[in-house]
Amino acid sequence: MRLEDSIVIQRSSRQIYDLIKDVERHAQLLPGYIESRIVERKNGSYIVQREALMAGRVRRWKSEIWMEDGKCMHFRQVEGPLAGMHVRWVLEPHEEATRMSIIHDVRMKPRWKGWWFERWVAKPAIERTAREVLNAIKNVAEKETFS
């Protein structure tokens, strides 16, 4: 299942990238996040321990994160409820601003019953979370003073 959502932010892609690339700041930047801590660095990527309050419950997971400078951040959940999910935060110039998209690729296992979970449980939660993340980044980016 692929889910995509986007928003236009009145900042340059470099300014937004500089804001979001600090993964340990995500706990202050993103709604519901309690922890976002680098636990391992390896060959241009990070393993990040994440903890967030989602739908009234605390969820914990680990993500491998790597970046394409100024353009995209990749997140692959390596432990947790959606292990294997690949998420991309993509930044593209849009007129005088930037379009930021969040793309989720989710494949639940086992496939024969994972489709039900994807469609009726994961999809609404992922869509809601993506919209909250985009709005939070937009609000912070458009208020932040960049040098």
C-alpha atoms as a PDB file:
ATOM      1  CA  MET A   1       0.000   0.000   0.000  1.00  0.00           C
ATOM      2  CA  ARG A   2       1.337   3.423  -0.929  1.00  0.00           C
ATOM      3  CA  LEU A   3       0.046   6.574   0.767  1.00  0.00           C
ATOM      4  CA  GLU A   4       1.075  10.092  -0.158  1.00  0.00           C
ATOM      5  CA  ASP A   5       0.218  13.503   1.256  1.00  0.00           C
ATOM      6  CA  SER A   6       1.788  16.905   0.652  1.00  0.00           C
ATOM      7  CA  ILE A   7       1.682  20.530   1.690  1.00  0.00           C
ATOM      8  CA  VAL A   8       3.142  23.779   0.360  1.00  0.00           C
ATOM      9  CA  ILE A   9       5.427  25.575   2.809  1.00  0.00           C
ATOM     10  CA  GLN A  10       6.479  29.187   2.308  1.00  0.00           C
ATOM     11  CA  ARG A  11      10.177  28.485   2.763  1.00  0.00           C
ATOM     12  CA  SER A  12      12.998  27.257   0.551  1.00  0.00           C
ATOM     13  CA  SER A  13      13.652  23.533   0.383  1.00  0.00           C
ATOM     14  CA  ARG A  14      17.097  24.157   1.941  1.00  0.00           C
ATOM     15  CA  GLN A  15      15.511  25.914   4.943  1.00  0.00           C
ATOM     16  CA  ILE A  16      13.048  23.079   5.471  1.00  0.00           C
ATOM     17  CA  TYR A  17      15.751  20.448   5.011  1.00  0.00           C
ATOM     18  CA  ASP A  18      17.962  22.208   7.571  1.00  0.00           C
ATOM     19  CA  LEU A  19      15.014  22.140   9.996  1.00  0.00           C
ATOM     20  CA  ILE A  20      14.082  18.468   9.572  1.00  0.00           C
ATOM     21  CA  LYS A  21      17.537  16.873   9.166  1.00  0.00           C
ATOM     22  CA  ASP A  22      18.190  17.175  12.915  1.00  0.00           C
ATOM     23  CA  VAL A  23      16.416  13.911  13.778  1.00  0.00           C
ATOM     24  CA  GLU A  24      17.008  14.330  17.505  1.00  0.00           C
ATOM     25  CA  ARG A  25      14.956  17.547  17.328  1.00  0.00           C
ATOM     26  CA  HIS A  26      11.933  15.646  16.014  1.00  0.00           C
ATOM     27  CA  ALA A  27      10.658  15.120  19.575  1.00  0.00           C
ATOM     28  CA  GLN A  28      10.225  18.908  19.836  1.00  0.00           C
ATOM     29  CA  LEU A  29       9.086  19.371  16.237  1.00  0.00           C
ATOM     30  CA  LEU A  30       6.527  16.607  15.686  1.00  0.00           C
ATOM     31  CA  PRO A  31       3.188  16.192  17.473  1.00  0.00           C
ATOM     32  CA  GLY A  32       3.073  13.364  20.004  1.00  0.00           C
ATOM     33  CA  TYR A  33       6.763  12.506  19.742  1.00  0.00           C
ATOM     34  CA  ILE A  34       8.405  11.810  23.089  1.00  0.00           C
ATOM     35  CA  GLU A  35      11.813  10.559  21.930  1.00  0.00           C
ATOM     36  CA  SER A  36      13.890  10.632  18.767  1.00  0.00           C
ATOM     37  CA  ARG A  37      17.435   9.570  19.633  1.00  0.00           C
ATOM     38  CA  ILE A  38      20.286   8.349  17.466  1.00  0.00           C
ATOM     39  CA  VAL A  39      21.466   5.004  18.862  1.00  0.00           C
ATOM     40  CA  GLU A  40      23.833   3.987  16.053  1.00  0.00           C
ATOM     41  CA  ARG A  41      25.634   5.616  13.121  1.00  0.00           C
ATOM     42  CA  LYS A  42      26.687   3.539  10.135  1.00  0.00           C
ATOM     43  CA  ASN A  43      27.864   4.310   6.592  1.00  0.00           C
ATOM     44  CA  GLY A  44      25.842   7.482   6.049  1.00  0.00           C
ATOM     45  CA  SER A  45      22.727   6.383   7.914  1.00  0.00           C
ATOM     46  CA  TYR A  46      21.448   6.399  11.486  1.00  0.00           C
ATOM     47  CA  ILE A  47      19.447   4.016  13.609  1.00  0.00           C
ATOM     48  CA  VAL A  48      17.035   6.160  15.604  1.00  0.00           C
ATOM     49  CA  GLN A  49      14.997   5.076  18.623  1.00  0.00           C
ATOM     50  CA  ARG A  50      11.556   6.675  18.414  1.00  0.00           C
ATOM     51  CA  GLU A  51       8.728   6.915  20.891  1.00  0.00           C
ATOM     52  CA  ALA A  52       5.422   8.716  20.341  1.00  0.00           C
ATOM     53  CA  LEU A  53       1.932   8.967  21.759  1.00  0.00           C
ATOM     54  CA  MET A  54      -0.417   7.771  19.004  1.00  0.00           C
ATOM     55  CA  ALA A  55      -4.137   7.226  19.410  1.00  0.00           C
ATOM     56  CA  GLY A  56      -3.748   7.397  23.187  1.00  0.00           C
ATOM     57  CA  ARG A  57      -1.001   4.759  23.361  1.00  0.00           C
ATOM     58  CA  VAL A  58       2.761   5.042  23.595  1.00  0.00           C
ATOM     59  CA  ARG A  59       4.420   3.359  20.602  1.00  0.00           C
ATOM     60  CA  ARG A  60       8.142   2.568  20.307  1.00  0.00           C
ATOM     61  CA  TRP A  61      10.078   1.703  17.189  1.00  0.00           C
ATOM     62  CA  LYS A  62      13.473   1.986  15.560  1.00  0.00           C
ATOM     63  CA  SER A  63      14.075   3.498  12.154  1.00  0.00           C
ATOM     64  CA  GLU A  64      17.052   3.519   9.868  1.00  0.00           C
ATOM     65  CA  ILE A  65      17.338   7.028   8.440  1.00  0.00           C
ATOM     66  CA  TRP A  66      19.386   8.228   5.483  1.00  0.00           C
ATOM     67  CA  MET A  67      19.279  11.466   3.540  1.00  0.00           C
ATOM     68  CA  GLU A  68      19.646  12.879   0.068  1.00  0.00           C
ATOM     69  CA  ASP A  69      21.110  16.295   0.838  1.00  0.00           C
ATOM     70  CA  GLY A  70      18.496  19.013   0.519  1.00  0.00           C
ATOM     71  CA  LYS A  71      15.987  16.780  -1.279  1.00  0.00           C
ATOM     72  CA  CYS A  72      14.745  13.816   0.705  1.00  0.00           C
ATOM     73  CA  MET A  73      14.877  11.931   3.999  1.00  0.00           C
ATOM     74  CA  HIS A  74      14.269   8.179   4.026  1.00  0.00           C
ATOM     75  CA  PHE A  75      12.990   6.259   7.034  1.00  0.00           C
ATOM     76  CA  ARG A  76      12.790   2.467   7.145  1.00  0.00           C
ATOM     77  CA  GLN A  77      11.210   1.031  10.247  1.00  0.00           C
ATOM     78  CA  VAL A  78      13.532  -1.763  11.416  1.00  0.00           C
ATOM     79  CA  GLU A  79      11.719  -2.616  14.673  1.00  0.00           C
ATOM     80  CA  GLY A  80       8.202  -1.955  15.829  1.00  0.00           C
ATOM     81  CA  PRO A  81       4.578  -2.338  14.762  1.00  0.00           C
ATOM     82  CA  LEU A  82       5.186  -1.456  11.095  1.00  0.00           C
ATOM     83  CA  ALA A  83       8.609  -3.060  10.583  1.00  0.00           C
ATOM     84  CA  GLY A  84       9.654  -2.814   6.956  1.00  0.00           C
ATOM     85  CA  MET A  85       7.637   0.323   6.213  1.00  0.00           C
ATOM     86  CA  HIS A  86       9.573   2.804   4.062  1.00  0.00           C
ATOM     87  CA  VAL A  87       8.770   6.510   4.436  1.00  0.00           C
ATOM     88  CA  ARG A  88      10.138   9.375   2.372  1.00  0.00           C
ATOM     89  CA  TRP A  89       9.949  13.078   3.152  1.00  0.00           C
ATOM     90  CA  VAL A  90      10.446  14.699  -0.255  1.00  0.00           C
ATOM     91  CA  LEU A  91      11.166  18.407  -0.803  1.00  0.00           C
ATOM     92  CA  GLU A  92      10.492  19.964  -4.211  1.00  0.00           C
ATOM     93  CA  PRO A  93      10.610  23.615  -5.251  1.00  0.00           C
ATOM     94  CA  HIS A  94       7.104  24.966  -5.882  1.00  0.00           C
ATOM     95  CA  GLU A  95       6.876  28.521  -7.244  1.00  0.00           C
ATOM     96  CA  GLU A  96       8.369  30.712  -4.473  1.00  0.00           C
ATOM     97  CA  ALA A  97       7.939  27.955  -1.875  1.00  0.00           C
ATOM     98  CA  THR A  98       8.446  24.203  -1.343  1.00  0.00           C
ATOM     99  CA  ARG A  99       6.105  21.259  -1.693  1.00  0.00           C
ATOM    100  CA  MET A 100       6.846  18.739   1.040  1.00  0.00           C
ATOM    101  CA  SER A 101       5.446  15.266   0.483  1.00  0.00           C
ATOM    102  CA  ILE A 102       5.352  12.290   2.806  1.00  0.00           C
ATOM    103  CA  ILE A 103       5.186   8.951   1.013  1.00  0.00           C
ATOM    104  CA  HIS A 104       4.566   5.731   2.958  1.00  0.00           C
ATOM    105  CA  ASP A 105       5.124   2.297   1.443  1.00  0.00           C
ATOM    106  CA  VAL A 106       3.629  -0.340   3.735  1.00  0.00           C
ATOM    107  CA  ARG A 107       3.520  -4.108   3.212  1.00  0.00           C
ATOM    108  CA  MET A 108       2.103  -6.038   6.121  1.00  0.00           C
ATOM    109  CA  LYS A 109       2.943  -9.706   6.658  1.00  0.00           C
ATOM    110  CA  PRO A 110       1.562 -12.257   6.393  1.00  0.00           C
ATOM    111  CA  ARG A 111       0.109 -10.968   3.125  1.00  0.00           C
ATOM    112  CA  TRP A 112      -3.108 -12.997   3.352  1.00  0.00           C
ATOM    113  CA  LYS A 113      -4.303 -11.177   6.458  1.00  0.00           C
ATOM    114  CA  GLY A 114      -2.049  -8.126   6.350  1.00  0.00           C
ATOM    115  CA  TRP A 115      -4.229  -6.482   3.691  1.00  0.00           C
ATOM    116  CA  TRP A 116      -7.074  -6.104   6.200  1.00  0.00           C
ATOM    117  CA  PHE A 117      -4.816  -4.453   8.774  1.00  0.00           C
ATOM    118  CA  GLU A 118      -3.303  -2.177   6.088  1.00  0.00           C
ATOM    119  CA  ARG A 119      -6.684  -1.003   4.794  1.00  0.00           C
ATOM    120  CA  TRP A 120      -8.724  -0.634   7.982  1.00  0.00           C
ATOM    121  CA  VAL A 121      -6.183   0.039  10.751  1.00  0.00           C
ATOM    122  CA  ALA A 122      -2.862   1.268   9.383  1.00  0.00           C
ATOM    123  CA  LYS A 123      -4.153   3.434   6.513  1.00  0.00           C
ATOM    124  CA  PRO A 124      -6.324   5.829   8.571  1.00  0.00           C
ATOM    125  CA  ALA A 125      -3.659   6.117  11.299  1.00  0.00           C
ATOM    126  CA  ILE A 126      -0.845   6.753   8.806  1.00  0.00           C
ATOM    127  CA  GLU A 127      -2.892   9.325   6.874  1.00  0.00           C
ATOM    128  CA  ARG A 128      -3.798  11.180  10.075  1.00  0.00           C
ATOM    129  CA  THR A 129      -0.200  11.126  11.340  1.00  0.00           C
ATOM    130  CA  ALA A 130       1.212  12.298   7.981  1.00  0.00           C
ATOM    131  CA  ARG A 131      -1.195  15.255   7.904  1.00  0.00           C
ATOM    132  CA  GLU A 132      -0.277  16.197  11.513  1.00  0.00           C
ATOM    133  CA  VAL A 133       3.463  15.972  10.729  1.00  0.00           C
ATOM    134  CA  LEU A 134       3.143  18.100   7.583  1.00  0.00           C
ATOM    135  CA  ASN A 135       1.125  20.754   9.413  1.00  0.00           C
ATOM    136  CA  ALA A 136       3.587  20.818  12.323  1.00  0.00           C
ATOM    137  CA  ILE A 137       6.598  21.239  10.026  1.00  0.00           C
ATOM    138  CA  LYS A 138       4.784  23.958   8.045  1.00  0.00           C
ATOM    139  CA  ASN A 139       3.867  25.845  11.235  1.00  0.00           C
ATOM    140  CA  VAL A 140       7.383  25.695  12.655  1.00  0.00           C
ATOM    141  CA  ALA A 141       9.140  26.442   9.341  1.00  0.00           C
ATOM    142  CA  GLU A 142       6.989  29.443   8.534  1.00  0.00           C
ATOM    143  CA  LYS A 143       7.500  30.931  12.015  1.00  0.00           C
ATOM    144  CA  GLU A 144      11.216  30.153  12.297  1.00  0.00           C
ATOM    145  CA  THR A 145      13.759  32.861  11.540  1.00  0.00           C
ATOM    146  CA  PHE A 146      16.431  31.584   9.187  1.00  0.00           C
ATOM    147  CA  SER A 147      19.771  33.301   8.642  1.00  0.00           C
END
